[in-house]
Amino acid sequence: MPTAQHSTSPVPLYLLPQALAEEIKKYGDTIAEIRVRRTIGHNYVLKVKHEKRGDRSD
């Protein structure tokens, strides 16, 4: 299956668990990889690589 990538907007450190849970709910077991990158200050961006489903798009 082809893969796609989705990035979140920057979230503060204390909200990382909630942001990660939301991405898991959204993409479920199609997730292939999750990367967490620190931006300015204590903000982080989640990059989620997932398999594309037939009718789903970013």
N, C-alpha and C. Protein backbone atom coordinates (compact mmCIF):
# COMPACT_ATOMS: atom_id res chain seq x y z
N MET A 1 0.84 -1.19 0.00
CA MET A 1 0.00 0.00 0.00
C MET A 1 0.87 1.24 0.00
N PRO A 2 0.45 2.29 -0.69
CA PRO A 2 1.21 3.54 -0.66
C PRO A 2 1.10 4.19 0.72
N THR A 3 2.10 4.98 1.05
CA THR A 3 2.09 5.65 2.35
C THR A 3 1.89 7.15 2.17
N ALA A 4 1.41 7.78 3.23
CA ALA A 4 1.22 9.23 3.28
C ALA A 4 1.79 9.71 4.60
N GLN A 5 2.00 11.02 4.70
CA GLN A 5 2.54 11.59 5.93
C GLN A 5 1.66 12.73 6.38
N HIS A 6 1.48 12.84 7.69
CA HIS A 6 0.67 13.90 8.29
C HIS A 6 1.48 14.51 9.42
N SER A 7 1.51 15.84 9.50
CA SER A 7 2.19 16.54 10.59
C SER A 7 1.18 17.34 11.40
N THR A 8 1.37 17.34 12.70
CA THR A 8 0.51 18.14 13.56
C THR A 8 1.06 19.55 13.65
N SER A 9 0.26 20.45 14.13
CA SER A 9 0.78 21.78 14.45
C SER A 9 1.58 21.64 15.76
N PRO A 10 2.45 22.58 16.06
CA PRO A 10 3.26 22.45 17.29
C PRO A 10 2.39 22.34 18.55
N VAL A 11 2.76 21.40 19.41
CA VAL A 11 2.05 21.22 20.68
C VAL A 11 3.06 21.29 21.82
N PRO A 12 2.67 21.82 22.97
CA PRO A 12 3.58 21.87 24.12
C PRO A 12 3.85 20.47 24.67
N LEU A 13 4.96 20.35 25.36
CA LEU A 13 5.40 19.06 25.90
C LEU A 13 4.30 18.35 26.69
N TYR A 14 3.59 19.08 27.54
CA TYR A 14 2.60 18.42 28.40
C TYR A 14 1.38 17.91 27.62
N LEU A 15 1.20 18.34 26.36
CA LEU A 15 0.09 17.85 25.56
C LEU A 15 0.49 16.77 24.56
N LEU A 16 1.75 16.36 24.56
CA LEU A 16 2.19 15.31 23.63
C LEU A 16 1.39 14.02 23.77
N PRO A 17 1.13 13.52 24.97
CA PRO A 17 0.34 12.28 25.07
C PRO A 17 -1.05 12.39 24.44
N GLN A 18 -1.73 13.52 24.64
CA GLN A 18 -3.06 13.70 24.05
C GLN A 18 -2.98 13.81 22.53
N ALA A 19 -1.97 14.53 22.02
CA ALA A 19 -1.81 14.68 20.57
C ALA A 19 -1.50 13.33 19.94
N LEU A 20 -0.66 12.54 20.58
CA LEU A 20 -0.33 11.21 20.08
C LEU A 20 -1.56 10.30 20.09
N ALA A 21 -2.34 10.35 21.17
CA ALA A 21 -3.55 9.54 21.25
C ALA A 21 -4.53 9.91 20.14
N GLU A 22 -4.64 11.19 19.83
CA GLU A 22 -5.54 11.65 18.77
C GLU A 22 -5.10 11.11 17.41
N GLU A 23 -3.79 11.11 17.14
CA GLU A 23 -3.28 10.59 15.87
C GLU A 23 -3.51 9.08 15.78
N ILE A 24 -3.35 8.37 16.88
CA ILE A 24 -3.59 6.92 16.88
C ILE A 24 -5.06 6.64 16.63
N LYS A 25 -5.96 7.43 17.23
CA LYS A 25 -7.39 7.25 16.97
C LYS A 25 -7.72 7.51 15.51
N LYS A 26 -7.06 8.51 14.93
CA LYS A 26 -7.35 8.91 13.55
C LYS A 26 -6.85 7.87 12.54
N TYR A 27 -5.63 7.34 12.73
CA TYR A 27 -5.02 6.46 11.73
C TYR A 27 -4.93 5.01 12.17
N GLY A 28 -5.08 4.73 13.45
CA GLY A 28 -5.12 3.35 13.95
C GLY A 28 -3.96 2.49 13.53
N ASP A 29 -4.26 1.27 13.09
CA ASP A 29 -3.21 0.32 12.77
C ASP A 29 -2.61 0.52 11.38
N THR A 30 -2.94 1.62 10.70
CA THR A 30 -2.27 1.93 9.43
C THR A 30 -0.98 2.71 9.66
N ILE A 31 -0.69 3.10 10.91
CA ILE A 31 0.51 3.87 11.24
C ILE A 31 1.74 2.99 11.04
N ALA A 32 2.70 3.53 10.27
CA ALA A 32 3.96 2.82 10.03
C ALA A 32 5.09 3.43 10.86
N GLU A 33 5.03 4.74 11.11
CA GLU A 33 6.12 5.42 11.80
C GLU A 33 5.62 6.71 12.42
N ILE A 34 6.14 7.03 13.61
CA ILE A 34 5.83 8.31 14.26
C ILE A 34 7.16 8.94 14.66
N ARG A 35 7.34 10.20 14.27
CA ARG A 35 8.54 10.95 14.65
C ARG A 35 8.11 12.17 15.43
N VAL A 36 8.87 12.46 16.49
CA VAL A 36 8.61 13.63 17.32
C VAL A 36 9.80 14.56 17.17
N ARG A 37 9.53 15.81 16.76
CA ARG A 37 10.62 16.77 16.56
C ARG A 37 10.35 18.00 17.41
N ARG A 38 11.39 18.44 18.12
CA ARG A 38 11.27 19.63 18.97
C ARG A 38 11.41 20.87 18.10
N THR A 39 10.54 21.84 18.32
CA THR A 39 10.62 23.12 17.63
C THR A 39 11.09 24.15 18.65
N ILE A 40 10.74 25.38 18.46
CA ILE A 40 11.17 26.44 19.38
C ILE A 40 10.54 26.26 20.76
N GLY A 41 11.34 26.45 21.78
CA GLY A 41 10.85 26.31 23.14
C GLY A 41 10.55 24.86 23.47
N HIS A 42 9.49 24.63 24.19
CA HIS A 42 9.09 23.28 24.57
C HIS A 42 7.91 22.82 23.73
N ASN A 43 7.93 23.14 22.45
CA ASN A 43 6.88 22.72 21.52
C ASN A 43 7.42 21.61 20.63
N TYR A 44 6.53 20.70 20.26
CA TYR A 44 6.91 19.53 19.47
C TYR A 44 5.94 19.33 18.33
N VAL A 45 6.44 18.75 17.23
CA VAL A 45 5.62 18.42 16.08
C VAL A 45 5.66 16.91 15.91
N LEU A 46 4.50 16.28 15.73
CA LEU A 46 4.41 14.85 15.45
C LEU A 46 4.30 14.66 13.94
N LYS A 47 5.14 13.81 13.39
CA LYS A 47 5.02 13.44 11.98
C LYS A 47 4.63 11.98 11.94
N VAL A 48 3.46 11.71 11.37
CA VAL A 48 2.91 10.36 11.35
C VAL A 48 2.91 9.85 9.91
N LYS A 49 3.62 8.76 9.68
CA LYS A 49 3.61 8.12 8.37
C LYS A 49 2.66 6.94 8.46
N HIS A 50 1.71 6.89 7.52
CA HIS A 50 0.69 5.85 7.57
C HIS A 50 0.37 5.36 6.16
N GLU A 51 -0.23 4.20 6.11
CA GLU A 51 -0.66 3.64 4.82
C GLU A 51 -1.94 4.33 4.39
N LYS A 52 -2.03 4.61 3.11
CA LYS A 52 -3.25 5.23 2.58
C LYS A 52 -4.34 4.18 2.49
N ARG A 53 -5.54 4.60 2.83
CA ARG A 53 -6.71 3.75 2.64
C ARG A 53 -7.45 4.28 1.42
N GLY A 54 -8.28 3.46 0.82
CA GLY A 54 -8.99 3.80 -0.41
C GLY A 54 -9.64 5.16 -0.43
N ASP A 55 -10.47 5.49 0.55
CA ASP A 55 -11.22 6.75 0.50
C ASP A 55 -10.68 7.80 1.45
N ARG A 56 -9.58 7.55 2.13
CA ARG A 56 -9.05 8.49 3.11
C ARG A 56 -7.98 9.36 2.45
N SER A 57 -7.99 10.66 2.76
CA SER A 57 -6.96 11.55 2.25
C SER A 57 -6.58 12.57 3.31
N ASP A 58 -5.41 13.19 3.17
CA ASP A 58 -4.93 14.20 4.12
C ASP A 58 -5.29 15.58 3.66
